[in-house]
C-alpha atoms as a PDB file:
ATOM      1  CA  MET A   1      13.435   0.546   2.083  1.00  0.00           C
ATOM      2  CA  LYS A   2      12.633  -3.214   2.419  1.00  0.00           C
ATOM      3  CA  LEU A   3       9.326  -5.006   1.975  1.00  0.00           C
ATOM      4  CA  ASP A   4       8.847  -5.762   5.680  1.00  0.00           C
ATOM      5  CA  GLU A   5       9.386  -1.950   6.456  1.00  0.00           C
ATOM      6  CA  ARG A   6       6.827  -0.910   3.577  1.00  0.00           C
ATOM      7  CA  ILE A   7       4.156  -3.190   4.724  1.00  0.00           C
ATOM      8  CA  ARG A   8       4.634  -2.013   8.346  1.00  0.00           C
ATOM      9  CA  GLU A   9       4.680   1.875   7.138  1.00  0.00           C
ATOM     10  CA  LEU A  10       1.494   1.215   4.794  1.00  0.00           C
ATOM     11  CA  ARG A  11      -0.393  -0.513   7.479  1.00  0.00           C
ATOM     12  CA  GLN A  12       0.610   2.192   9.935  1.00  0.00           C
ATOM     13  CA  ALA A  13      -0.193   5.145   7.821  1.00  0.00           C
ATOM     14  CA  ARG A  14      -3.718   3.903   7.451  1.00  0.00           C
ATOM     15  CA  GLY A  15      -4.313   3.139  11.022  1.00  0.00           C
ATOM     16  CA  LEU A  16      -4.799  -0.766  10.390  1.00  0.00           C
ATOM     17  CA  SER A  17      -3.792  -3.511  12.676  1.00  0.00           C
ATOM     18  CA  GLN A  18      -1.870  -6.457  11.511  1.00  0.00           C
ATOM     19  CA  VAL A  19      -5.179  -8.478  12.178  1.00  0.00           C
ATOM     20  CA  ASP A  20      -6.936  -6.114   9.673  1.00  0.00           C
ATOM     21  CA  VAL A  21      -4.390  -6.693   6.900  1.00  0.00           C
ATOM     22  CA  ALA A  22      -4.285 -10.406   7.767  1.00  0.00           C
ATOM     23  CA  LYS A  23      -8.326 -10.720   7.188  1.00  0.00           C
ATOM     24  CA  ALA A  24      -7.902  -8.704   4.127  1.00  0.00           C
ATOM     25  CA  MET A  25      -5.218 -10.835   2.697  1.00  0.00           C
ATOM     26  CA  GLY A  26      -6.964 -14.085   3.915  1.00  0.00           C
ATOM     27  CA  VAL A  27      -4.100 -15.275   6.010  1.00  0.00           C
ATOM     28  CA  THR A  28      -3.252 -15.461   9.695  1.00  0.00           C
ATOM     29  CA  LYS A  29      -2.320 -12.514  11.998  1.00  0.00           C
ATOM     30  CA  GLN A  30       0.901 -14.633  12.437  1.00  0.00           C
ATOM     31  CA  SER A  31       1.583 -14.363   8.753  1.00  0.00           C
ATOM     32  CA  ALA A  32       1.449 -10.664   8.668  1.00  0.00           C
ATOM     33  CA  SER A  33       3.324 -10.494  11.767  1.00  0.00           C
ATOM     34  CA  ASN A  34       6.161 -12.460  10.103  1.00  0.00           C
ATOM     35  CA  TRP A  35       6.122 -10.207   7.235  1.00  0.00           C
ATOM     36  CA  GLU A  36       6.774  -7.264   9.218  1.00  0.00           C
ATOM     37  CA  ASN A  37       9.315  -8.964  11.205  1.00  0.00           C
ATOM     38  CA  ASN A  38      11.291 -10.311   8.005  1.00  0.00           C
ATOM     39  CA  ASN A  39      10.864 -13.645   9.167  1.00  0.00           C
ATOM     40  CA  ILE A  40       8.982 -14.780   5.870  1.00  0.00           C
ATOM     41  CA  GLN A  41       7.933 -13.182   2.569  1.00  0.00           C
ATOM     42  CA  PRO A  42       4.456 -13.135   1.198  1.00  0.00           C
ATOM     43  CA  SER A  43       3.836 -15.211  -1.763  1.00  0.00           C
ATOM     44  CA  ILE A  44       3.836 -13.486  -5.092  1.00  0.00           C
ATOM     45  CA  GLU A  45       0.200 -13.707  -5.186  1.00  0.00           C
ATOM     46  CA  VAL A  46      -0.158 -12.090  -1.589  1.00  0.00           C
ATOM     47  CA  LEU A  47       2.300  -9.418  -2.862  1.00  0.00           C
ATOM     48  CA  ILE A  48       0.274  -8.552  -5.445  1.00  0.00           C
ATOM     49  CA  ARG A  49      -3.041  -8.446  -3.301  1.00  0.00           C
ATOM     50  CA  LEU A  50      -1.072  -6.336  -0.734  1.00  0.00           C
ATOM     51  CA  ALA A  51      -0.235  -3.871  -3.598  1.00  0.00           C
ATOM     52  CA  ARG A  52      -3.804  -3.481  -4.741  1.00  0.00           C
ATOM     53  CA  TYR A  53      -4.997  -3.222  -0.989  1.00  0.00           C
ATOM     54  CA  PHE A  54      -2.696  -0.510  -0.295  1.00  0.00           C
ATOM     55  CA  SER A  55      -3.166   1.098  -3.872  1.00  0.00           C
ATOM     56  CA  VAL A  56       0.637   0.949  -4.661  1.00  0.00           C
ATOM     57  CA  SER A  57       2.739  -0.821  -7.275  1.00  0.00           C
ATOM     58  CA  THR A  58       4.696  -4.057  -6.451  1.00  0.00           C
ATOM     59  CA  ASP A  59       7.477  -2.079  -7.236  1.00  0.00           C
ATOM     60  CA  TYR A  60       6.847   0.258  -4.442  1.00  0.00           C
ATOM     61  CA  MET A  61       6.058  -2.741  -1.874  1.00  0.00           C
ATOM     62  CA  LEU A  62       9.565  -4.127  -2.917  1.00  0.00           C
ATOM     63  CA  GLY A  63      11.276  -0.899  -2.459  1.00  0.00           C
ATOM     64  CA  LEU A  64      12.280  -0.623  -6.332  1.00  0.00           C
ATOM     65  CA  ASP A  65      10.179   2.762  -6.912  1.00  0.00           C
ATOM     66  CA  ASP A  66       9.505   5.657  -4.390  1.00  0.00           C
ATOM     67  CA  ARG A  67       6.556   7.014  -6.384  1.00  0.00           C
ATOM     68  CA  LYS A  68       3.207   6.853  -4.882  1.00  0.00           C
ATOM     69  CA  TYR A  69      -0.009   6.616  -6.762  1.00  0.00           C
ATOM     70  CA  LEU A  70      -3.864   7.164  -6.245  1.00  0.00           C
ATOM     71  CA  GLU A  71      -6.405   5.063  -7.583  1.00  0.00           C
ATOM     72  CA  VAL A  72      -8.849   7.336  -9.713  1.00  0.00           C
ATOM     73  CA  THR A  73     -10.300   4.676 -12.043  1.00  0.00           C
ATOM     74  CA  ASP A  74     -13.801   5.146 -10.854  1.00  0.00           C
ATOM     75  CA  LEU A  75     -13.730   9.180 -10.706  1.00  0.00           C
ATOM     76  CA  SER A  76     -14.849  11.385 -13.531  1.00  0.00           C
ATOM     77  CA  ASP A  77     -12.456  13.458 -15.556  1.00  0.00           C
ATOM     78  CA  ARG A  78     -13.589  16.471 -13.436  1.00  0.00           C
ATOM     79  CA  GLU A  79     -13.045  14.774 -10.194  1.00  0.00           C
ATOM     80  CA  VAL A  80      -9.510  13.651 -11.248  1.00  0.00           C
ATOM     81  CA  THR A  81      -8.633  17.275 -12.277  1.00  0.00           C
ATOM     82  CA  HIS A  82     -10.004  18.534  -8.762  1.00  0.00           C
ATOM     83  CA  ILE A  83      -7.724  16.013  -7.129  1.00  0.00           C
ATOM     84  CA  GLN A  84      -4.767  17.027  -9.376  1.00  0.00           C
ATOM     85  CA  GLN A  85      -5.270  20.601  -8.213  1.00  0.00           C
ATOM     86  CA  ILE A  86      -5.625  19.653  -4.695  1.00  0.00           C
ATOM     87  CA  ILE A  87      -2.282  18.017  -4.624  1.00  0.00           C
ATOM     88  CA  GLU A  88      -0.737  20.998  -6.768  1.00  0.00           C
ATOM     89  CA  ASP A  89      -2.098  23.229  -4.070  1.00  0.00           C
ATOM     90  CA  ILE A  90      -0.704  20.950  -1.118  1.00  0.00           C
ATOM     91  CA  LYS A  91       3.023  21.053  -2.967  1.00  0.00           C
ATOM     92  CA  GLY A  92       2.845  24.565  -3.186  1.00  0.00           C
ATOM     93  CA  LYS A  93       2.853  24.911  -7.080  1.00  0.00           C
END
């Protein structure tokens, strides 16, 4: 999957508009639209901000890695364990 497709996929999965993403990145709606239409690429700095905003790696954004991650830094060990159990239940393990 290419960067333009990843940005669109991540934005739509979260129910966000291009305007929402543009505001969060500090750019115009036109820039966000251009990313998704593969007219321009975001700068490295914006790519990093996009990855953080969507809680994914830059490798995921670039289509180099399909693994997804959850940001759990501010959660307790007990809360992380609970989330892991939920994920395992969903996967049917």
